N, C-alpha and C. Protein backbone atom coordinates (compact mmCIF):
# COMPACT_ATOMS: atom_id res chain seq x y z
N MET A 1 -14.14 -21.21 9.76
CA MET A 1 -13.85 -19.93 9.09
C MET A 1 -14.73 -18.86 9.59
N ALA A 2 -14.14 -17.65 9.61
CA ALA A 2 -14.84 -16.49 10.13
C ALA A 2 -14.98 -15.41 9.09
N GLU A 3 -16.07 -14.71 9.05
CA GLU A 3 -16.37 -13.69 8.07
C GLU A 3 -15.56 -12.38 8.33
N ALA A 4 -14.72 -12.04 7.38
CA ALA A 4 -13.90 -10.81 7.49
C ALA A 4 -14.56 -9.67 6.72
N PHE A 5 -15.36 -9.99 5.73
CA PHE A 5 -15.97 -8.95 4.83
C PHE A 5 -17.10 -9.55 4.07
N ALA A 6 -18.12 -8.74 3.81
CA ALA A 6 -19.28 -9.13 3.02
C ALA A 6 -19.64 -7.97 2.09
N THR A 7 -20.07 -8.28 0.90
CA THR A 7 -20.43 -7.29 -0.12
C THR A 7 -21.46 -7.95 -1.06
N MET A 8 -22.11 -7.11 -1.79
CA MET A 8 -23.06 -7.56 -2.82
C MET A 8 -22.36 -7.67 -4.19
N PHE A 9 -21.06 -7.27 -4.24
CA PHE A 9 -20.39 -7.20 -5.55
C PHE A 9 -19.18 -8.20 -5.55
N GLN A 10 -19.21 -9.08 -6.55
CA GLN A 10 -18.17 -10.08 -6.71
C GLN A 10 -16.82 -9.45 -6.85
N ASP A 11 -16.70 -8.36 -7.69
CA ASP A 11 -15.40 -7.78 -7.92
C ASP A 11 -14.85 -7.20 -6.65
N GLU A 12 -15.66 -6.61 -5.80
CA GLU A 12 -15.17 -6.07 -4.52
C GLU A 12 -14.71 -7.20 -3.60
N ALA A 13 -15.46 -8.28 -3.58
CA ALA A 13 -15.04 -9.41 -2.77
C ALA A 13 -13.65 -9.92 -3.19
N LEU A 14 -13.45 -9.97 -4.49
CA LEU A 14 -12.13 -10.46 -5.00
C LEU A 14 -11.03 -9.50 -4.67
N VAL A 15 -11.27 -8.20 -4.71
CA VAL A 15 -10.30 -7.19 -4.34
C VAL A 15 -9.88 -7.35 -2.88
N VAL A 16 -10.88 -7.46 -2.02
CA VAL A 16 -10.63 -7.57 -0.57
C VAL A 16 -9.90 -8.90 -0.26
N LYS A 17 -10.33 -9.95 -0.90
CA LYS A 17 -9.68 -11.26 -0.73
C LYS A 17 -8.20 -11.12 -1.13
N SER A 18 -7.89 -10.48 -2.20
CA SER A 18 -6.54 -10.29 -2.64
C SER A 18 -5.75 -9.40 -1.65
N LEU A 19 -6.36 -8.36 -1.11
CA LEU A 19 -5.64 -7.49 -0.17
C LEU A 19 -5.35 -8.31 1.08
N ILE A 20 -6.24 -9.10 1.54
CA ILE A 20 -6.00 -9.93 2.73
C ILE A 20 -4.90 -10.92 2.47
N GLU A 21 -4.91 -11.59 1.32
CA GLU A 21 -3.93 -12.56 1.01
C GLU A 21 -2.54 -11.96 0.84
N SER A 22 -2.52 -10.70 0.40
CA SER A 22 -1.22 -10.00 0.22
C SER A 22 -0.47 -9.81 1.52
N THR A 23 -1.14 -9.95 2.70
CA THR A 23 -0.53 -9.83 4.00
C THR A 23 -0.12 -11.25 4.56
N GLY A 24 -0.34 -12.29 3.70
CA GLY A 24 0.04 -13.63 4.13
C GLY A 24 -1.10 -14.41 4.80
N ILE A 25 -2.28 -13.85 4.83
CA ILE A 25 -3.41 -14.52 5.41
C ILE A 25 -4.15 -15.29 4.36
N GLU A 26 -4.48 -16.55 4.61
CA GLU A 26 -5.26 -17.31 3.68
C GLU A 26 -6.70 -16.83 3.72
N ALA A 27 -7.32 -16.61 2.56
CA ALA A 27 -8.70 -16.18 2.52
C ALA A 27 -9.41 -16.89 1.42
N GLU A 28 -10.74 -17.03 1.57
CA GLU A 28 -11.52 -17.63 0.49
C GLU A 28 -12.88 -16.96 0.44
N ILE A 29 -13.53 -17.08 -0.70
CA ILE A 29 -14.85 -16.52 -0.88
C ILE A 29 -15.81 -17.65 -0.65
N GLY A 30 -16.70 -17.47 0.30
CA GLY A 30 -17.71 -18.49 0.61
C GLY A 30 -18.58 -18.78 -0.56
N SER A 31 -18.72 -20.06 -0.90
CA SER A 31 -19.59 -20.55 -2.02
C SER A 31 -19.24 -19.85 -3.34
N GLU A 32 -17.94 -19.72 -3.59
CA GLU A 32 -17.52 -19.02 -4.80
C GLU A 32 -18.05 -19.63 -6.10
N HIS A 33 -18.12 -20.93 -6.18
CA HIS A 33 -18.60 -21.56 -7.38
C HIS A 33 -20.10 -21.49 -7.47
N PHE A 34 -20.78 -21.57 -6.39
CA PHE A 34 -22.24 -21.41 -6.37
C PHE A 34 -22.67 -20.04 -6.85
N MET A 35 -21.84 -19.03 -6.53
CA MET A 35 -22.13 -17.63 -6.83
C MET A 35 -22.22 -17.47 -8.38
N GLU A 36 -21.41 -18.20 -9.13
CA GLU A 36 -21.41 -18.09 -10.61
C GLU A 36 -22.72 -18.66 -11.15
N VAL A 37 -23.29 -19.63 -10.54
CA VAL A 37 -24.49 -20.29 -11.05
C VAL A 37 -25.77 -19.51 -10.57
N TYR A 38 -25.74 -19.08 -9.34
CA TYR A 38 -26.95 -18.40 -8.79
C TYR A 38 -26.56 -17.04 -8.18
N PRO A 39 -26.20 -16.05 -9.01
CA PRO A 39 -25.70 -14.77 -8.43
C PRO A 39 -26.77 -13.99 -7.64
N LEU A 40 -28.02 -14.24 -7.85
CA LEU A 40 -29.07 -13.51 -7.13
C LEU A 40 -29.34 -14.16 -5.77
N PHE A 41 -28.77 -15.24 -5.50
CA PHE A 41 -28.96 -15.95 -4.20
C PHE A 41 -28.29 -15.17 -3.08
N PHE A 42 -27.22 -14.52 -3.34
CA PHE A 42 -26.44 -13.96 -2.27
C PHE A 42 -26.95 -12.73 -1.49
N PRO A 43 -27.67 -11.85 -2.15
CA PRO A 43 -28.22 -10.75 -1.34
C PRO A 43 -29.08 -11.20 -0.20
N SER A 44 -29.89 -12.21 -0.42
CA SER A 44 -30.70 -12.73 0.67
C SER A 44 -29.92 -13.43 1.76
N GLU A 45 -28.66 -13.82 1.43
CA GLU A 45 -27.85 -14.50 2.42
C GLU A 45 -26.80 -13.56 3.05
N GLY A 46 -26.97 -12.26 2.83
CA GLY A 46 -26.02 -11.30 3.39
C GLY A 46 -24.84 -10.92 2.52
N GLY A 47 -24.90 -11.32 1.26
CA GLY A 47 -23.88 -10.97 0.32
C GLY A 47 -22.82 -12.02 0.12
N ILE A 48 -21.81 -11.64 -0.57
CA ILE A 48 -20.71 -12.48 -0.88
C ILE A 48 -19.68 -12.31 0.24
N LYS A 49 -19.27 -13.39 0.89
CA LYS A 49 -18.45 -13.31 2.11
C LYS A 49 -16.98 -13.69 1.83
N VAL A 50 -16.09 -12.90 2.41
CA VAL A 50 -14.67 -13.26 2.36
C VAL A 50 -14.39 -13.88 3.75
N LEU A 51 -13.90 -15.08 3.74
CA LEU A 51 -13.68 -15.85 4.98
C LEU A 51 -12.21 -16.09 5.28
N VAL A 52 -11.87 -16.08 6.50
CA VAL A 52 -10.47 -16.31 6.97
C VAL A 52 -10.57 -17.30 8.18
N LYS A 53 -9.43 -17.86 8.54
CA LYS A 53 -9.37 -18.68 9.76
C LYS A 53 -9.63 -17.79 10.97
N GLU A 54 -10.26 -18.39 11.99
CA GLU A 54 -10.58 -17.64 13.20
C GLU A 54 -9.40 -16.92 13.75
N GLU A 55 -8.23 -17.57 13.77
CA GLU A 55 -7.07 -17.00 14.39
C GLU A 55 -6.49 -15.84 13.53
N ASP A 56 -6.88 -15.70 12.32
CA ASP A 56 -6.46 -14.59 11.42
C ASP A 56 -7.48 -13.44 11.36
N LEU A 57 -8.61 -13.61 12.00
CA LEU A 57 -9.72 -12.63 11.87
C LEU A 57 -9.31 -11.25 12.23
N GLU A 58 -8.69 -11.07 13.37
CA GLU A 58 -8.35 -9.69 13.81
C GLU A 58 -7.42 -8.96 12.79
N ASP A 59 -6.44 -9.66 12.26
CA ASP A 59 -5.55 -9.09 11.25
C ASP A 59 -6.27 -8.83 9.98
N ALA A 60 -7.17 -9.71 9.56
CA ALA A 60 -7.95 -9.54 8.37
C ALA A 60 -8.90 -8.34 8.51
N LEU A 61 -9.48 -8.16 9.65
CA LEU A 61 -10.37 -7.03 9.87
C LEU A 61 -9.63 -5.72 9.79
N ALA A 62 -8.35 -5.73 10.23
CA ALA A 62 -7.53 -4.56 10.10
C ALA A 62 -7.25 -4.16 8.62
N VAL A 63 -7.10 -5.20 7.79
CA VAL A 63 -6.93 -4.94 6.36
C VAL A 63 -8.20 -4.39 5.74
N VAL A 64 -9.33 -4.96 6.15
CA VAL A 64 -10.64 -4.50 5.70
C VAL A 64 -10.89 -3.03 6.13
N ALA A 65 -10.50 -2.74 7.35
CA ALA A 65 -10.70 -1.34 7.82
C ALA A 65 -9.84 -0.36 6.99
N GLN A 66 -8.61 -0.76 6.63
CA GLN A 66 -7.78 0.13 5.77
C GLN A 66 -8.44 0.28 4.38
N TYR A 67 -8.94 -0.83 3.88
CA TYR A 67 -9.62 -0.78 2.56
C TYR A 67 -10.82 0.19 2.62
N ARG A 68 -11.64 0.04 3.64
CA ARG A 68 -12.81 0.94 3.75
C ARG A 68 -12.42 2.38 3.93
N GLU A 69 -11.35 2.61 4.69
CA GLU A 69 -10.83 3.98 4.91
C GLU A 69 -10.38 4.52 3.56
N SER A 70 -9.67 3.74 2.76
CA SER A 70 -9.19 4.25 1.50
C SER A 70 -10.30 4.55 0.51
N LYS A 71 -11.42 3.81 0.60
CA LYS A 71 -12.59 4.05 -0.28
C LYS A 71 -13.29 5.36 0.16
N ALA A 72 -13.27 5.65 1.49
CA ALA A 72 -13.96 6.83 1.96
C ALA A 72 -13.18 8.10 1.78
N SER A 73 -11.87 7.94 1.62
CA SER A 73 -11.00 9.13 1.45
C SER A 73 -11.21 9.78 0.10
N PRO A 74 -11.28 11.09 0.07
CA PRO A 74 -11.45 11.79 -1.24
C PRO A 74 -10.17 11.60 -2.05
N LYS A 75 -10.40 11.44 -3.36
CA LYS A 75 -9.21 11.27 -4.26
C LYS A 75 -8.54 12.61 -4.51
N ALA A 76 -7.24 12.61 -4.54
CA ALA A 76 -6.51 13.84 -4.81
C ALA A 76 -6.50 14.23 -6.26
């Protein structure tokens, strides 16, 4: 599995995972169950990671780029 996205916020990881899956790419959150037990563990490990198969990484990164662009755009 390859890292497509990392964040310190569980809700953001879930949103990005959902966006990636909406394009037909399988995605998972690394150590999702561990995160519920030890939420403070993840900042030291680089955050909560959204993972995809290596062959889907380029397409997933395009989805992530669109997500980041939409967050940076001013709201009308």
